[in-house]
Amino acid sequence: MQKGFNSDIVVKGTSFHIQTEDWGEKNPFIVTRVFAGGAVKATIKTPYANLMNEFAARSEMAIKNALRRQHADTIDNLVSGKIQI
């Protein structure tokens, strides 16, 4: 299981906390949650299989890269308005 990422950003005057975590091999998902005002406003739950090829699926580096990518993509999508909250 990899450590995740946390970021705090402000978009159009609203403060958001974005948290991305690896749920581990027994529950192989990378999950990102967007919080505002202490409440979960959006959840992105992606199976390992959708993020990595079958050969990299259990690689720690591949999981860390997928975590980083999903976290950054979520921030980009929130800032650009693709995630509507």
Protein backbone atom coordinates (compact mmCIF):
# COMPACT_ATOMS: atom_id res chain seq x y z
CA MET A 1 0.00 0.00 0.00
CA GLN A 2 1.34 3.41 -0.99
CA LYS A 3 1.01 6.64 0.96
CA GLY A 4 -1.36 9.05 -0.66
CA PHE A 5 -1.49 12.74 -1.44
CA ASN A 6 -3.31 15.69 0.15
CA SER A 7 -3.76 19.18 -1.27
CA ASP A 8 -5.64 22.29 -0.25
CA ILE A 9 -6.72 24.69 -2.98
CA VAL A 10 -9.15 27.57 -3.47
CA VAL A 11 -11.32 27.64 -6.58
CA LYS A 12 -13.62 30.61 -7.21
CA GLY A 13 -13.52 31.53 -3.52
CA THR A 14 -14.27 28.02 -2.21
CA SER A 15 -11.64 26.07 -0.24
CA PHE A 16 -11.22 22.43 -1.18
CA HIS A 17 -9.21 19.61 0.32
CA ILE A 18 -8.26 16.84 -2.13
CA GLN A 19 -7.18 13.47 -0.72
CA THR A 20 -5.97 10.55 -2.83
CA GLU A 21 -5.20 7.15 -1.32
CA ASP A 22 -4.35 3.59 -2.25
CA TRP A 23 -6.72 1.05 -0.74
CA GLY A 24 -4.19 -1.79 -1.13
CA GLU A 25 -4.02 -5.15 -2.86
CA LYS A 26 -7.01 -6.64 -1.01
CA ASN A 27 -9.15 -3.74 -2.21
CA PRO A 28 -7.24 -2.64 -5.36
CA PHE A 29 -8.54 0.86 -5.90
CA ILE A 30 -7.09 4.34 -5.95
CA VAL A 31 -9.62 6.71 -4.41
CA THR A 32 -9.69 10.50 -4.54
CA ARG A 33 -12.10 12.53 -2.48
CA VAL A 34 -12.82 16.23 -2.82
CA PHE A 35 -13.93 17.91 0.42
CA ALA A 36 -15.46 21.35 0.94
CA GLY A 37 -16.72 22.58 4.28
CA GLY A 38 -15.85 19.21 5.84
CA ALA A 39 -18.17 17.27 3.52
CA VAL A 40 -17.27 14.94 0.67
CA LYS A 41 -18.33 16.69 -2.54
CA ALA A 42 -16.90 14.23 -5.08
CA THR A 43 -15.33 10.77 -5.09
CA ILE A 44 -13.26 9.23 -7.87
CA LYS A 45 -12.69 5.50 -7.35
CA THR A 46 -10.54 3.79 -9.96
CA PRO A 47 -9.56 0.09 -10.03
CA TYR A 48 -5.86 -0.65 -10.46
CA ALA A 49 -6.68 -2.41 -13.75
CA ASN A 50 -7.97 0.84 -15.26
CA LEU A 51 -4.79 2.73 -14.35
CA MET A 52 -1.99 0.34 -15.17
CA ASN A 53 -1.21 -2.45 -17.58
CA GLU A 54 -1.38 -6.01 -16.25
CA PHE A 55 2.40 -6.27 -15.86
CA ALA A 56 2.71 -3.13 -13.73
CA ALA A 57 -0.43 -3.70 -11.64
CA ARG A 58 1.49 -4.84 -8.58
CA SER A 59 4.50 -2.60 -8.97
CA GLU A 60 4.87 -0.10 -6.13
CA MET A 61 6.25 2.52 -8.52
CA ALA A 62 3.32 2.03 -10.93
CA ILE A 63 0.84 2.49 -8.06
CA LYS A 64 2.66 5.59 -6.79
CA ASN A 65 2.63 7.08 -10.31
CA ALA A 66 -1.08 6.28 -10.71
CA LEU A 67 -1.80 7.93 -7.34
CA ARG A 68 0.10 11.05 -8.37
CA ARG A 69 -1.59 11.16 -11.79
CA GLN A 70 -5.14 10.74 -10.42
CA HIS A 71 -4.50 13.37 -7.72
CA ALA A 72 -3.14 15.89 -10.25
CA ASP A 73 -5.92 15.15 -12.76
CA THR A 74 -8.56 15.70 -10.08
CA ILE A 75 -7.07 19.08 -9.16
CA ASP A 76 -6.86 20.07 -12.84
CA ASN A 77 -10.48 18.99 -13.42
CA LEU A 78 -11.69 20.90 -10.36
CA VAL A 79 -9.87 24.08 -11.39
CA SER A 80 -11.04 23.83 -15.03
CA GLY A 81 -14.66 23.21 -14.03
CA LYS A 82 -14.83 19.64 -15.36
CA ILE A 83 -15.76 18.58 -11.82
CA GLN A 84 -18.89 20.56 -10.95
CA ILE A 85 -19.45 21.09 -7.26
